[in-house]
Protein backbone atom coordinates (compact mmCIF):
# COMPACT_ATOMS: atom_id res chain seq x y z
CA UNK A 1 88.03 133.37 109.15
CA UNK A 2 85.32 133.37 111.30
CA UNK A 3 85.20 137.08 111.36
CA UNK A 4 84.20 137.37 107.56
CA UNK A 5 81.12 135.14 108.14
CA UNK A 6 78.39 136.94 106.79
CA UNK A 7 76.34 136.50 109.64
CA UNK A 8 78.42 137.72 111.98
CA UNK A 9 78.77 141.42 109.66
CA UNK A 10 78.06 144.17 111.90
CA UNK A 11 75.43 145.31 109.53
CA UNK A 12 73.65 141.48 109.43
CA UNK A 13 70.63 143.06 111.73
CA UNK A 14 69.57 145.43 108.78
CA UNK A 15 69.81 143.02 106.20
CA UNK A 16 67.59 140.14 108.36
CA UNK A 17 63.74 141.07 108.03
CA UNK A 18 61.59 138.96 110.34
CA UNK A 19 57.74 138.41 111.29
CA UNK A 20 56.12 137.30 114.29
CA UNK A 21 52.92 134.51 114.80
CA UNK A 22 50.55 135.23 117.75
CA UNK A 23 47.18 133.41 118.64
CA UNK A 24 44.77 134.24 120.09
CA UNK A 25 44.53 134.10 124.21
CA UNK A 26 41.73 131.77 125.62
CA UNK A 27 41.95 133.16 129.07
CA UNK A 28 42.46 136.63 131.14
CA UNK A 29 45.77 135.05 131.59
CA UNK A 30 47.12 134.24 128.55
CA UNK A 31 45.35 137.59 127.50
CA UNK A 32 47.95 139.28 129.80
CA UNK A 33 50.70 137.08 128.27
CA UNK A 34 50.05 137.85 124.97
CA UNK A 35 50.28 141.46 125.45
CA UNK A 36 53.58 141.31 127.43
CA UNK A 37 54.98 139.63 124.09
CA UNK A 38 53.40 142.08 121.48
CA UNK A 39 55.27 145.05 123.78
CA UNK A 40 58.31 143.24 124.37
CA UNK A 41 59.08 142.20 120.20
CA UNK A 42 57.27 145.28 118.57
CA UNK A 43 60.49 147.41 119.24
CA UNK A 44 61.89 144.58 116.66
CA UNK A 45 59.88 146.57 114.44
CA UNK A 46 58.99 143.40 112.23
CA UNK A 47 57.85 143.18 108.61
CA UNK A 48 54.34 142.17 110.11
CA UNK A 49 52.57 139.88 112.96
CA UNK A 50 49.66 137.07 112.32
CA UNK A 51 47.00 136.26 114.15
CA UNK A 52 46.18 132.45 114.18
CA UNK A 53 42.14 131.32 113.28
CA UNK A 54 41.15 128.54 114.34
CA UNK A 55 39.00 125.33 112.88
CA UNK A 56 36.13 126.39 111.42
CA UNK A 57 36.25 129.93 112.38
CA UNK A 58 36.24 128.42 116.25
CA UNK A 59 38.39 131.28 117.57
CA UNK A 60 37.10 133.99 115.05
CA UNK A 61 35.96 136.13 117.69
CA UNK A 62 38.98 136.09 119.67
CA UNK A 63 41.07 136.47 116.28
CA UNK A 64 39.23 139.50 115.42
CA UNK A 65 39.82 141.12 118.79
CA UNK A 66 43.25 140.36 118.66
CA UNK A 67 43.83 141.83 115.38
CA UNK A 68 41.76 144.88 115.96
CA UNK A 69 43.91 145.75 119.35
CA UNK A 70 46.71 145.28 116.96
CA UNK A 71 45.82 147.88 114.65
CA UNK A 72 44.86 150.14 116.98
CA UNK A 73 47.35 150.40 120.39
CA UNK A 74 50.62 149.81 118.22
CA UNK A 75 52.72 149.97 115.54
CA UNK A 76 52.66 146.92 114.06
CA UNK A 77 51.40 146.01 111.15
CA UNK A 78 48.80 142.61 111.04
CA UNK A 79 48.20 139.33 108.86
CA UNK A 80 44.58 138.00 110.01
CA UNK A 81 44.77 134.18 109.25
CA UNK A 82 42.06 132.60 107.32
CA UNK A 83 41.04 129.12 106.75
CA UNK A 84 38.58 127.12 104.75
CA UNK A 85 37.41 124.22 107.27
CA UNK A 86 33.99 123.59 108.53
CA UNK A 87 32.97 126.77 106.46
CA UNK A 88 30.92 127.58 103.66
CA UNK A 89 32.43 130.22 100.81
CA UNK A 90 29.64 133.05 102.42
CA UNK A 91 30.82 132.74 105.45
CA UNK A 92 34.46 132.60 104.81
CA UNK A 93 33.38 135.43 102.47
CA UNK A 94 31.95 137.44 105.49
CA UNK A 95 35.10 136.96 107.68
CA UNK A 96 37.05 138.55 104.88
CA UNK A 97 34.92 141.65 104.70
CA UNK A 98 34.97 141.64 108.39
CA UNK A 99 38.55 141.85 108.73
CA UNK A 100 38.73 144.36 105.59
CA UNK A 101 36.54 146.82 107.01
CA UNK A 102 39.09 146.96 110.14
CA UNK A 103 42.05 148.07 107.61
CA UNK A 104 43.60 144.38 107.14
CA UNK A 105 45.32 144.64 103.85
CA UNK A 106 47.51 141.19 104.98
CA UNK A 107 46.51 137.83 104.83
CA UNK A 108 47.71 133.99 105.71
CA UNK A 109 45.65 131.88 103.54
CA UNK A 110 45.77 128.33 104.79
CA UNK A 111 43.23 125.17 104.42
CA UNK A 112 43.67 124.57 107.78
CA UNK A 113 43.82 121.69 110.19
CA UNK A 114 40.92 119.41 110.29
CA UNK A 115 38.90 120.03 113.07
CA UNK A 116 39.28 116.79 114.81
CA UNK A 117 43.10 117.76 115.00
CA UNK A 118 46.44 117.10 113.10
CA UNK A 119 46.53 113.61 111.64
CA UNK A 120 42.66 113.33 111.12
CA UNK A 121 41.08 113.34 107.90
CA UNK A 122 40.63 116.02 106.43
CA UNK A 123 36.84 117.10 104.41
CA UNK A 124 35.93 120.00 103.14
CA UNK A 125 33.33 121.61 103.33
CA UNK A 126 30.68 121.12 100.63
CA UNK A 127 30.23 124.43 100.01
CA UNK A 128 33.36 125.35 100.86
CA UNK A 129 36.66 126.47 99.26
CA UNK A 130 38.53 122.85 98.78
CA UNK A 131 41.72 124.32 99.66
CA UNK A 132 44.43 126.72 100.09
CA UNK A 133 44.47 127.64 96.36
CA UNK A 134 40.88 128.34 96.21
CA UNK A 135 41.11 130.69 99.16
CA UNK A 136 43.47 132.46 98.06
CA UNK A 137 41.65 133.25 94.40
CA UNK A 138 39.01 134.32 96.83
CA UNK A 139 41.05 136.74 98.79
CA UNK A 140 42.53 138.22 95.19
CA UNK A 141 38.96 138.69 94.32
CA UNK A 142 38.04 141.05 97.33
CA UNK A 143 40.72 142.80 96.93
CA UNK A 144 44.63 143.30 96.19
CA UNK A 145 46.03 141.98 99.76
CA UNK A 146 49.47 140.48 100.66
CA UNK A 147 48.78 136.97 101.02
CA UNK A 148 50.97 134.25 102.44
CA UNK A 149 50.41 130.88 102.33
CA UNK A 150 52.30 127.77 103.90
CA UNK A 151 54.98 125.22 102.19
CA UNK A 152 55.87 122.07 103.60
CA UNK A 153 59.80 121.50 103.45
CA UNK A 154 59.36 117.80 104.60
CA UNK A 155 55.88 117.45 102.24
CA UNK A 156 52.42 118.20 103.47
CA UNK A 157 51.33 114.80 105.60
CA UNK A 158 48.07 114.28 103.43
CA UNK A 159 50.31 115.34 100.10
CA UNK A 160 51.37 111.40 98.19
CA UNK A 161 54.95 113.07 96.98
CA UNK A 162 56.87 116.40 96.91
CA UNK A 163 55.50 116.42 93.01
CA UNK A 164 51.84 116.47 94.56
CA UNK A 165 52.62 119.28 97.49
CA UNK A 166 54.49 121.62 95.09
CA UNK A 167 51.71 121.32 92.41
CA UNK A 168 49.69 122.94 95.47
CA UNK A 169 52.03 125.30 96.04
CA UNK A 170 52.45 126.27 92.49
CA UNK A 171 48.20 126.52 92.60
CA UNK A 172 48.54 128.93 95.34
CA UNK A 173 51.01 131.09 93.83
CA UNK A 174 49.05 131.52 90.10
CA UNK A 175 46.17 132.57 92.37
CA UNK A 176 47.93 135.40 93.82
CA UNK A 177 49.90 134.31 96.84
CA UNK A 178 52.66 136.71 97.65
CA UNK A 179 54.86 134.47 99.58
CA UNK A 180 55.01 131.23 101.18
CA UNK A 181 56.13 130.62 104.95
CA UNK A 182 56.87 126.81 105.66
CA UNK A 183 56.40 124.82 108.30
CA UNK A 184 58.77 124.23 111.58
CA UNK A 185 61.85 122.37 110.49
CA UNK A 186 65.24 121.56 112.13
CA UNK A 187 66.83 120.50 108.98
CA UNK A 188 68.35 123.44 106.72
CA UNK A 189 69.08 121.06 103.94
CA UNK A 190 65.34 119.89 103.81
CA UNK A 191 64.27 123.45 103.77
CA UNK A 192 67.32 124.34 100.82
CA UNK A 193 66.19 121.11 98.64
CA UNK A 194 62.70 122.13 98.78
CA UNK A 195 63.45 125.55 97.71
CA UNK A 196 65.42 124.06 94.79
CA UNK A 197 62.33 121.96 93.84
CA UNK A 198 60.03 124.86 93.99
CA UNK A 199 62.58 127.19 91.87
CA UNK A 200 62.46 124.30 89.51
CA UNK A 201 58.80 123.96 89.44
CA UNK A 202 59.23 127.81 88.36
CA UNK A 203 57.70 129.54 91.57
CA UNK A 204 59.87 132.06 92.49
CA UNK A 205 58.03 133.68 95.41
CA UNK A 206 60.16 133.88 98.82
CA UNK A 207 59.80 131.04 100.64
CA UNK A 208 59.99 131.83 103.97
CA UNK A 209 61.52 129.90 106.44
CA UNK A 210 58.75 129.08 109.85
CA UNK A 211 61.58 129.29 112.83
CA UNK A 212 59.84 127.62 116.02
CA UNK A 213 62.83 128.16 119.04
CA UNK A 214 61.50 124.46 121.26
CA UNK A 215 60.21 126.02 124.81
CA UNK A 216 59.26 122.67 125.65
CA UNK A 217 60.69 120.15 123.80
CA UNK A 218 58.55 116.92 124.64
CA UNK A 219 55.95 119.13 123.32
CA UNK A 220 57.55 119.79 120.12
CA UNK A 221 58.54 116.46 119.55
CA UNK A 222 54.95 115.56 119.80
CA UNK A 223 53.44 117.70 117.41
CA UNK A 224 55.91 117.39 115.16
CA UNK A 225 55.32 113.68 115.10
CA UNK A 226 51.80 114.39 114.23
CA UNK A 227 52.68 116.80 111.49
CA UNK A 228 55.53 115.27 109.57
CA UNK A 229 58.07 117.43 110.67
CA UNK A 230 61.82 115.30 111.54
CA UNK A 231 63.09 116.15 115.17
CA UNK A 232 66.48 114.99 114.03
CA UNK A 233 68.85 113.22 116.90
CA UNK A 234 71.22 116.00 117.57
CA UNK A 235 68.42 118.24 118.76
CA UNK A 236 66.96 115.40 121.30
CA UNK A 237 70.61 115.28 122.64
CA UNK A 238 70.42 118.70 123.01
CA UNK A 239 67.92 119.06 125.42
CA UNK A 240 68.22 115.27 127.45
CA UNK A 241 67.89 115.77 130.61
CA UNK A 242 66.37 119.10 130.99
CA UNK A 243 62.63 118.27 131.26
CA UNK A 244 63.15 119.74 135.17
CA UNK A 245 65.74 122.46 134.80
CA UNK A 246 63.42 125.14 132.59
CA UNK A 247 66.24 127.66 132.59
CA UNK A 248 69.02 125.49 131.14
CA UNK A 249 66.37 123.86 128.89
CA UNK A 250 66.03 127.82 127.40
CA UNK A 251 69.44 128.80 127.56
CA UNK A 252 69.79 125.75 124.89
CA UNK A 253 66.22 126.45 123.00
CA UNK A 254 67.95 130.05 122.71
CA UNK A 255 70.91 128.60 120.78
CA UNK A 256 69.38 126.30 118.99
CA UNK A 257 66.88 128.20 117.20
CA UNK A 258 70.37 131.51 116.88
CA UNK A 259 72.31 128.58 115.35
CA UNK A 260 70.10 127.28 112.67
CA UNK A 261 69.06 130.88 111.95
CA UNK A 262 72.26 131.86 111.43
CA UNK A 263 73.02 129.15 109.16
CA UNK A 264 70.17 130.15 107.18
CA UNK A 265 71.56 133.78 106.59
CA UNK A 266 74.66 131.71 105.58
CA UNK A 267 72.82 130.27 102.99
CA UNK A 268 71.14 133.77 101.80
CA UNK A 269 68.17 133.66 103.53
CA UNK A 270 67.22 137.48 104.65
CA UNK A 271 63.56 136.67 106.00
CA UNK A 272 62.25 134.59 109.36
CA UNK A 273 59.21 134.25 110.45
CA UNK A 274 59.33 133.07 114.02
CA UNK A 275 56.31 130.86 115.60
CA UNK A 276 56.57 133.01 119.28
CA UNK A 277 53.83 130.53 121.10
CA UNK A 278 52.67 134.16 122.85
CA UNK A 279 56.78 133.93 124.05
CA UNK A 280 58.87 136.63 123.66
CA UNK A 281 62.15 135.86 125.30
CA UNK A 282 63.48 133.53 123.25
CA UNK A 283 62.51 134.84 120.20
CA UNK A 284 63.61 138.45 121.34
CA UNK A 285 66.93 136.41 122.25
CA UNK A 286 67.21 135.06 118.57
CA UNK A 287 66.82 138.14 117.07
CA UNK A 288 69.11 140.06 119.36
CA UNK A 289 71.97 137.42 118.12
CA UNK A 290 71.30 138.07 114.78
CA UNK A 291 71.78 141.64 114.49
CA UNK A 292 68.09 142.57 114.96
CA UNK A 293 68.22 145.30 118.19
CA UNK A 294 65.01 147.07 119.79
CA UNK A 295 64.96 150.42 118.44
CA UNK A 296 63.94 151.89 122.17
CA UNK A 297 66.66 150.09 123.55
CA UNK A 298 69.48 151.63 120.55
CA UNK A 299 67.46 155.56 121.45
CA UNK A 300 68.65 155.03 125.23
CA UNK A 301 71.64 153.95 124.05
CA UNK A 302 72.43 157.12 122.30
CA UNK A 303 70.67 158.93 124.39
CA UNK A 304 73.34 157.40 127.52
CA UNK A 305 76.10 158.37 125.44
């Protein structure tokens, strides 16, 4: 029976599309690692790559510099993150104009985490955009951009219930969102139930699963507890005892992420967004296992043949 699994078809790599998220580097060493990652992943021909943006524009200059370099030095299509934390409307509007002046046509529009960090209270700027839905509307008033927004299979930690959470997503869609990209999750049933809720609410844009390869289980578990993402017991057991064994940890991490993606493919999912953490190896391995090949490697293989 296994040879008939959809995820094992020889042409599955042509049917699955991926995108990658990067964050702007803070040091020369981090910048070198980022560009090593970009160089490694570029031949996989992602649909787009997104570059994050800190609360209140705290990484504005670095984000802009990274986006500009991607535009000028690679074949990749960048999507610039936008947030409305600790910023007046005119400041956000100025950043939109800056990015559009570079030639950016894709954005990821987010309310953003509170400036004090995940888990603290969010307070809108008195003269700013109050949430992601208003930010989407502001972007659409400037141009017909491709706009991705956030979605939460386990609901946003600040939402009192799923109905409120889905209503916010609907407002984003009504204001012009192109697609939703989910917070990372490890239980595919939660994602599937969330998509069903969204469809019942009349939301029909693509809801792309966000995949986080586990580069460091302890860090991921701590962050998950703050943002309301479930870490299943089986996942903790997979990484148990590997705190001082990075090589085995990486092998297990790539296997876990590939297993999750293969299961989603079997459920009919064809688009994936990878949170790379500016590290290429695990993401590259998972893409390889789902049939996405480096175009450079394919060309080299053809030449050798």
